[in-house]
Amino acid sequence: MEDASDDVGGRNSCMPSKLRTTMSEQDLTTQEKISVEQYLDEVALFCNSEYGNQVRSRFKDIRGTSELAMLAAPTSKELEELRRAVAIMTPAEKSAADRLSDEQIERIAVDARIDPGNFAIFMNGYALLCKRVS
């Protein structure tokens, strides 16, 4: 039987690399969630890389934008904006980042002077990851 860590399309492959384990090492339901800062680091992995550019080119819409690929491969501008928003979050907001309301997310984006839509995509991605891990 194959090791779960080698499961290309399975449950482990969707998790950030810091959370990947084999099933025999640790039960997935007991893993701790990563912080929003750690998630930002994971999102940054393919920023402006050749692989990231290929991913983004596959998700372009008729205007040539590819916001939905942002979590897989953000541009340097998008990444800088996300970093700015996470930096201004309070400790309470960071600890409850997976449970922030749409209004809270929009307020943080406005305060950081970034695109609220991109920040919402980022925060929703984080919330979904936390739901998978918990």
N, C-alpha and C. Protein backbone atom coordinates (compact mmCIF):
# COMPACT_ATOMS: atom_id res chain seq x y z
N MET A 1 0.84 -1.19 0.00
CA MET A 1 0.00 0.00 0.00
C MET A 1 0.88 1.24 0.00
N GLU A 2 0.47 2.27 -0.75
CA GLU A 2 1.26 3.49 -0.84
C GLU A 2 1.18 4.30 0.43
N ASP A 3 2.23 5.00 0.73
CA ASP A 3 2.27 5.92 1.84
C ASP A 3 1.37 7.11 1.53
N ALA A 4 0.60 7.60 2.49
CA ALA A 4 -0.34 8.71 2.26
C ALA A 4 0.37 9.99 1.85
N SER A 5 1.62 10.15 2.23
CA SER A 5 2.34 11.36 1.85
C SER A 5 2.66 11.39 0.37
N ASP A 6 2.60 10.22 -0.29
CA ASP A 6 2.85 10.16 -1.72
C ASP A 6 1.56 10.30 -2.52
N ASP A 7 0.45 10.50 -1.87
CA ASP A 7 -0.86 10.58 -2.50
C ASP A 7 -0.99 11.90 -3.25
N VAL A 8 -0.74 11.89 -4.55
CA VAL A 8 -0.70 13.12 -5.34
C VAL A 8 -2.04 13.82 -5.36
N GLY A 9 -3.12 13.10 -5.57
CA GLY A 9 -4.43 13.74 -5.67
C GLY A 9 -5.25 13.64 -4.41
N GLY A 10 -4.70 13.08 -3.37
CA GLY A 10 -5.48 12.82 -2.18
C GLY A 10 -5.49 13.93 -1.17
N ARG A 11 -5.95 13.59 -0.01
CA ARG A 11 -6.19 14.55 1.05
C ARG A 11 -4.94 15.29 1.48
N ASN A 12 -3.81 14.62 1.60
CA ASN A 12 -2.58 15.27 2.05
C ASN A 12 -2.05 16.29 1.05
N SER A 13 -2.23 16.06 -0.25
CA SER A 13 -1.63 16.94 -1.24
C SER A 13 -2.27 18.32 -1.24
N CYS A 14 -3.45 18.48 -0.69
CA CYS A 14 -4.12 19.78 -0.66
C CYS A 14 -3.67 20.63 0.52
N MET A 15 -2.97 20.06 1.44
CA MET A 15 -2.57 20.79 2.63
C MET A 15 -1.24 21.50 2.40
N PRO A 16 -1.03 22.64 3.07
CA PRO A 16 0.28 23.27 3.00
C PRO A 16 1.36 22.29 3.43
N SER A 17 2.54 22.45 2.87
CA SER A 17 3.61 21.48 3.09
C SER A 17 3.95 21.30 4.56
N LYS A 18 3.79 22.34 5.37
CA LYS A 18 4.11 22.22 6.77
C LYS A 18 3.14 21.31 7.51
N LEU A 19 1.96 21.05 6.93
CA LEU A 19 0.98 20.21 7.59
C LEU A 19 0.97 18.79 7.06
N ARG A 20 1.68 18.52 5.96
CA ARG A 20 1.65 17.20 5.36
C ARG A 20 2.31 16.18 6.28
N THR A 21 1.64 15.10 6.52
CA THR A 21 2.20 14.00 7.28
C THR A 21 1.67 12.72 6.68
N THR A 22 2.24 11.62 7.07
CA THR A 22 1.66 10.36 6.66
C THR A 22 0.56 10.02 7.65
N MET A 23 -0.40 9.25 7.20
CA MET A 23 -1.51 8.88 8.07
C MET A 23 -1.02 8.12 9.30
N SER A 24 0.03 7.33 9.14
CA SER A 24 0.53 6.57 10.27
C SER A 24 1.26 7.46 11.27
N GLU A 25 1.76 8.61 10.84
CA GLU A 25 2.46 9.50 11.76
C GLU A 25 1.50 10.23 12.69
N GLN A 26 0.38 10.68 12.13
CA GLN A 26 -0.51 11.50 12.93
C GLN A 26 -1.88 11.52 12.28
N ASP A 27 -2.93 11.43 13.08
CA ASP A 27 -4.29 11.49 12.56
C ASP A 27 -4.57 12.92 12.12
N LEU A 28 -5.09 13.11 10.90
CA LEU A 28 -5.34 14.45 10.37
C LEU A 28 -6.30 15.26 11.22
N THR A 29 -7.19 14.61 11.93
CA THR A 29 -8.18 15.34 12.71
C THR A 29 -7.58 15.97 13.96
N THR A 30 -6.35 15.61 14.33
CA THR A 30 -5.76 16.16 15.53
C THR A 30 -4.70 17.22 15.24
N GLN A 31 -4.52 17.58 13.99
CA GLN A 31 -3.50 18.56 13.67
C GLN A 31 -3.94 19.95 14.10
N GLU A 32 -2.97 20.75 14.51
CA GLU A 32 -3.25 22.12 14.89
C GLU A 32 -3.35 22.96 13.62
N LYS A 33 -4.22 23.97 13.68
CA LYS A 33 -4.31 24.85 12.51
C LYS A 33 -3.09 25.75 12.48
N ILE A 34 -2.72 26.13 11.27
CA ILE A 34 -1.59 27.04 11.12
C ILE A 34 -2.08 28.47 11.32
N SER A 35 -1.17 29.36 11.61
CA SER A 35 -1.54 30.76 11.80
C SER A 35 -1.78 31.41 10.44
N VAL A 36 -2.43 32.55 10.46
CA VAL A 36 -2.68 33.26 9.21
C VAL A 36 -1.36 33.71 8.58
N GLU A 37 -0.35 33.99 9.40
CA GLU A 37 0.97 34.34 8.87
C GLU A 37 1.62 33.15 8.16
N GLN A 38 1.49 31.96 8.74
CA GLN A 38 2.03 30.76 8.11
C GLN A 38 1.30 30.47 6.79
N TYR A 39 0.00 30.69 6.78
CA TYR A 39 -0.77 30.50 5.55
C TYR A 39 -0.30 31.48 4.48
N LEU A 40 -0.03 32.71 4.87
CA LEU A 40 0.48 33.71 3.93
C LEU A 40 1.82 33.26 3.35
N ASP A 41 2.68 32.69 4.18
CA ASP A 41 3.96 32.17 3.69
C ASP A 41 3.75 31.06 2.68
N GLU A 42 2.76 30.19 2.92
CA GLU A 42 2.46 29.10 1.98
C GLU A 42 1.94 29.66 0.66
N VAL A 43 1.07 30.67 0.74
CA VAL A 43 0.52 31.29 -0.47
C VAL A 43 1.64 31.95 -1.28
N ALA A 44 2.66 32.45 -0.60
CA ALA A 44 3.75 33.17 -1.27
C ALA A 44 4.72 32.26 -2.02
N LEU A 45 4.64 30.96 -1.82
CA LEU A 45 5.63 30.05 -2.40
C LEU A 45 5.82 30.19 -3.91
N PHE A 46 4.75 30.39 -4.66
CA PHE A 46 4.86 30.44 -6.12
C PHE A 46 4.66 31.85 -6.67
N CYS A 47 4.90 32.85 -5.86
CA CYS A 47 4.77 34.24 -6.30
C CYS A 47 5.78 34.52 -7.41
N ASN A 48 5.26 34.94 -8.55
CA ASN A 48 6.06 35.31 -9.71
C ASN A 48 7.02 34.21 -10.19
N SER A 49 6.68 32.96 -9.92
CA SER A 49 7.52 31.86 -10.41
C SER A 49 7.00 31.39 -11.77
N GLU A 50 7.81 30.63 -12.46
CA GLU A 50 7.39 30.09 -13.76
C GLU A 50 6.14 29.21 -13.60
N TYR A 51 6.16 28.37 -12.58
CA TYR A 51 5.00 27.53 -12.31
C TYR A 51 3.77 28.39 -12.01
N GLY A 52 3.94 29.39 -11.16
CA GLY A 52 2.84 30.28 -10.82
C GLY A 52 2.26 30.99 -12.03
N ASN A 53 3.13 31.41 -12.93
CA ASN A 53 2.66 32.07 -14.15
C ASN A 53 1.86 31.12 -15.03
N GLN A 54 2.27 29.85 -15.07
CA GLN A 54 1.51 28.86 -15.84
C GLN A 54 0.13 28.66 -15.22
N VAL A 55 0.07 28.56 -13.91
CA VAL A 55 -1.22 28.39 -13.23
C VAL A 55 -2.13 29.58 -13.52
N ARG A 56 -1.58 30.77 -13.36
CA ARG A 56 -2.40 31.98 -13.58
C ARG A 56 -2.88 32.07 -15.02
N SER A 57 -2.06 31.67 -15.98
CA SER A 57 -2.48 31.77 -17.38
C SER A 57 -3.66 30.85 -17.67
N ARG A 58 -3.79 29.77 -16.94
CA ARG A 58 -4.91 28.84 -17.14
C ARG A 58 -6.22 29.37 -16.58
N PHE A 59 -6.16 30.36 -15.68
CA PHE A 59 -7.36 30.87 -15.03
C PHE A 59 -7.76 32.27 -15.52
N LYS A 60 -7.17 32.75 -16.59
CA LYS A 60 -7.49 34.10 -17.07
C LYS A 60 -8.93 34.17 -17.56
N ASP A 61 -9.57 35.30 -17.24
CA ASP A 61 -10.91 35.53 -17.75
C ASP A 61 -10.84 36.37 -19.02
N ILE A 62 -11.96 36.83 -19.51
CA ILE A 62 -11.97 37.56 -20.78
C ILE A 62 -11.24 38.90 -20.68
N ARG A 63 -11.06 39.42 -19.46
CA ARG A 63 -10.29 40.66 -19.27
C ARG A 63 -8.80 40.39 -19.11
N GLY A 64 -8.42 39.13 -19.02
CA GLY A 64 -7.01 38.80 -18.84
C GLY A 64 -6.58 38.73 -17.39
N THR A 65 -7.53 38.85 -16.47
CA THR A 65 -7.19 38.75 -15.05
C THR A 65 -7.42 37.33 -14.57
N SER A 66 -6.82 37.01 -13.44
CA SER A 66 -6.93 35.63 -12.92
C SER A 66 -6.94 35.65 -11.40
N GLU A 67 -7.89 36.38 -10.82
CA GLU A 67 -7.95 36.50 -9.37
C GLU A 67 -8.13 35.16 -8.68
N LEU A 68 -8.87 34.24 -9.31
CA LEU A 68 -9.12 32.95 -8.66
C LEU A 68 -7.85 32.11 -8.51
N ALA A 69 -6.82 32.42 -9.26
CA ALA A 69 -5.55 31.70 -9.13
C ALA A 69 -4.64 32.38 -8.11
N MET A 70 -5.12 33.43 -7.49
CA MET A 70 -4.28 34.19 -6.57
C MET A 70 -3.73 33.35 -5.43
N LEU A 71 -4.52 32.44 -4.90
CA LEU A 71 -4.04 31.64 -3.78
C LEU A 71 -2.98 30.63 -4.19
N ALA A 72 -3.00 30.23 -5.45
CA ALA A 72 -1.99 29.29 -5.94
C ALA A 72 -0.71 30.00 -6.35
N ALA A 73 -0.86 31.21 -6.88
CA ALA A 73 0.31 31.93 -7.40
C ALA A 73 0.03 33.43 -7.44
N PRO A 74 0.20 34.12 -6.31
CA PRO A 74 -0.06 35.56 -6.31
C PRO A 74 1.02 36.34 -7.06
N THR A 75 0.62 37.49 -7.59
CA THR A 75 1.62 38.40 -8.15
C THR A 75 2.33 39.07 -6.98
N SER A 76 3.44 39.73 -7.25
CA SER A 76 4.15 40.41 -6.16
C SER A 76 3.29 41.53 -5.58
N LYS A 77 2.49 42.20 -6.41
CA LYS A 77 1.60 43.26 -5.91
C LYS A 77 0.54 42.68 -4.98
N GLU A 78 -0.09 41.57 -5.40
CA GLU A 78 -1.10 40.94 -4.57
C GLU A 78 -0.51 40.47 -3.25
N LEU A 79 0.67 39.87 -3.31
CA LEU A 79 1.32 39.38 -2.11
C LEU A 79 1.65 40.52 -1.16
N GLU A 80 2.15 41.62 -1.69
CA GLU A 80 2.45 42.78 -0.86
C GLU A 80 1.19 43.31 -0.18
N GLU A 81 0.09 43.35 -0.91
CA GLU A 81 -1.17 43.81 -0.33
C GLU A 81 -1.64 42.87 0.79
N LEU A 82 -1.55 41.57 0.55
CA LEU A 82 -1.95 40.61 1.57
C LEU A 82 -1.07 40.74 2.82
N ARG A 83 0.22 40.92 2.62
CA ARG A 83 1.12 41.10 3.76
C ARG A 83 0.77 42.36 4.55
N ARG A 84 0.42 43.42 3.84
CA ARG A 84 0.06 44.67 4.49
C ARG A 84 -1.21 44.47 5.33
N ALA A 85 -2.19 43.77 4.80
CA ALA A 85 -3.44 43.54 5.53
C ALA A 85 -3.20 42.66 6.76
N VAL A 86 -2.44 41.59 6.60
CA VAL A 86 -2.17 40.70 7.74
C VAL A 86 -1.37 41.45 8.81
N ALA A 87 -0.49 42.32 8.39
CA ALA A 87 0.34 43.08 9.34
C ALA A 87 -0.49 44.01 10.22
N ILE A 88 -1.58 44.54 9.71
CA ILE A 88 -2.36 45.47 10.52
C ILE A 88 -3.45 44.78 11.34
N MET A 89 -3.60 43.48 11.17
CA MET A 89 -4.60 42.76 11.96
C MET A 89 -4.18 42.74 13.43
N THR A 90 -5.16 42.87 14.31
CA THR A 90 -4.89 42.80 15.74
C THR A 90 -4.61 41.36 16.13
N PRO A 91 -3.99 41.14 17.28
CA PRO A 91 -3.78 39.77 17.74
C PRO A 91 -5.10 38.98 17.85
N ALA A 92 -6.16 39.63 18.29
CA ALA A 92 -7.47 38.96 18.39
C ALA A 92 -7.98 38.57 17.01
N GLU A 93 -7.81 39.45 16.03
CA GLU A 93 -8.24 39.14 14.66
C GLU A 93 -7.42 37.99 14.09
N LYS A 94 -6.13 37.99 14.37
CA LYS A 94 -5.28 36.92 13.86
C LYS A 94 -5.65 35.57 14.48
N SER A 95 -5.94 35.55 15.76
CA SER A 95 -6.26 34.28 16.41
C SER A 95 -7.63 33.75 15.98
N ALA A 96 -8.51 34.63 15.54
CA ALA A 96 -9.84 34.22 15.08
C ALA A 96 -9.99 34.44 13.58
N ALA A 97 -8.89 34.45 12.86
CA ALA A 97 -8.90 34.79 11.44
C ALA A 97 -9.80 33.88 10.61
N ASP A 98 -9.95 32.65 11.02
CA ASP A 98 -10.79 31.72 10.26
C ASP A 98 -12.28 31.93 10.53
N ARG A 99 -12.60 32.83 11.47
CA ARG A 99 -14.00 33.08 11.81
C ARG A 99 -14.40 34.55 11.66
N LEU A 100 -13.59 35.35 10.98
CA LEU A 100 -13.93 36.76 10.80
C LEU A 100 -15.15 36.90 9.89
N SER A 101 -15.96 37.91 10.17
CA SER A 101 -17.13 38.17 9.34
C SER A 101 -16.71 38.89 8.06
N ASP A 102 -17.60 38.91 7.10
CA ASP A 102 -17.33 39.63 5.86
C ASP A 102 -17.07 41.10 6.14
N GLU A 103 -17.79 41.66 7.09
CA GLU A 103 -17.63 43.07 7.44
C GLU A 103 -16.25 43.32 8.04
N GLN A 104 -15.79 42.42 8.89
CA GLN A 104 -14.46 42.57 9.49
C GLN A 104 -13.38 42.47 8.42
N ILE A 105 -13.53 41.53 7.50
CA ILE A 105 -12.56 41.36 6.42
C ILE A 105 -12.53 42.61 5.55
N GLU A 106 -13.68 43.14 5.23
CA GLU A 106 -13.73 44.35 4.40
C GLU A 106 -13.10 45.53 5.13
N ARG A 107 -13.36 45.67 6.44
CA ARG A 107 -12.78 46.78 7.20
C ARG A 107 -11.25 46.69 7.23
N ILE A 108 -10.72 45.50 7.42
CA ILE A 108 -9.26 45.32 7.42
C ILE A 108 -8.70 45.71 6.06
N ALA A 109 -9.35 45.27 4.98
CA ALA A 109 -8.89 45.59 3.63
C ALA A 109 -8.92 47.09 3.38
N VAL A 110 -9.98 47.75 3.81
CA VAL A 110 -10.08 49.21 3.63
C VAL A 110 -9.00 49.90 4.44
N ASP A 111 -8.80 49.48 5.69
CA ASP A 111 -7.76 50.08 6.53
C ASP A 111 -6.36 49.88 5.93
N ALA A 112 -6.15 48.74 5.28
CA ALA A 112 -4.85 48.45 4.67
C ALA A 112 -4.73 49.05 3.27
N ARG A 113 -5.81 49.61 2.78
CA ARG A 113 -5.87 50.21 1.43
C ARG A 113 -5.52 49.20 0.35
N ILE A 114 -6.20 48.03 0.43
CA ILE A 114 -5.99 46.98 -0.57
C ILE A 114 -7.34 46.58 -1.16
N ASP A 115 -7.29 45.76 -2.19
CA ASP A 115 -8.49 45.26 -2.84
C ASP A 115 -9.25 44.34 -1.88
N PRO A 116 -10.47 44.72 -1.48
CA PRO A 116 -11.23 43.89 -0.54
C PRO A 116 -11.55 42.50 -1.10
N GLY A 117 -11.75 42.40 -2.41
CA GLY A 117 -12.06 41.11 -3.02
C GLY A 117 -10.91 40.13 -2.89
N ASN A 118 -9.70 40.57 -3.16
CA ASN A 118 -8.53 39.69 -3.03
C ASN A 118 -8.31 39.28 -1.58
N PHE A 119 -8.51 40.21 -0.66
CA PHE A 119 -8.33 39.87 0.75
C PHE A 119 -9.40 38.87 1.19
N ALA A 120 -10.61 39.03 0.69
CA ALA A 120 -11.69 38.08 1.01
C ALA A 120 -11.36 36.69 0.47
N ILE A 121 -10.82 36.61 -0.75
CA ILE A 121 -10.41 35.31 -1.31
C ILE A 121 -9.35 34.67 -0.41
N PHE A 122 -8.37 35.45 0.00
CA PHE A 122 -7.30 34.96 0.87
C PHE A 122 -7.87 34.45 2.20
N MET A 123 -8.72 35.25 2.83
CA MET A 123 -9.26 34.88 4.14
C MET A 123 -10.21 33.67 4.03
N ASN A 124 -10.96 33.59 2.96
CA ASN A 124 -11.83 32.43 2.76
C ASN A 124 -11.00 31.17 2.54
N GLY A 125 -9.90 31.30 1.80
CA GLY A 125 -8.99 30.17 1.62
C GLY A 125 -8.43 29.69 2.95
N TYR A 126 -8.06 30.63 3.81
CA TYR A 126 -7.55 30.29 5.14
C TYR A 126 -8.63 29.59 5.97
N ALA A 127 -9.83 30.13 5.94
CA ALA A 127 -10.93 29.54 6.71
C ALA A 127 -11.22 28.11 6.24
N LEU A 128 -11.21 27.90 4.93
CA LEU A 128 -11.44 26.55 4.41
C LEU A 128 -10.35 25.58 4.83
N LEU A 129 -9.10 26.05 4.81
CA LEU A 129 -8.00 25.21 5.27
C LEU A 129 -8.20 24.83 6.73
N CYS A 130 -8.57 25.80 7.55
CA CYS A 130 -8.76 25.54 8.98
C CYS A 130 -9.90 24.54 9.20
N LYS A 131 -10.93 24.62 8.43
CA LYS A 131 -12.05 23.68 8.57
C LYS A 131 -11.62 22.26 8.20
N ARG A 132 -10.72 22.13 7.22
CA ARG A 132 -10.22 20.80 6.83
C ARG A 132 -9.33 20.23 7.91
N VAL A 133 -8.58 21.06 8.60
CA VAL A 133 -7.60 20.59 9.57
C VAL A 133 -8.26 20.30 10.91
N SER A 134 -9.27 21.07 11.27
CA SER A 134 -9.87 20.89 12.60
C SER A 134 -10.76 19.69 12.69
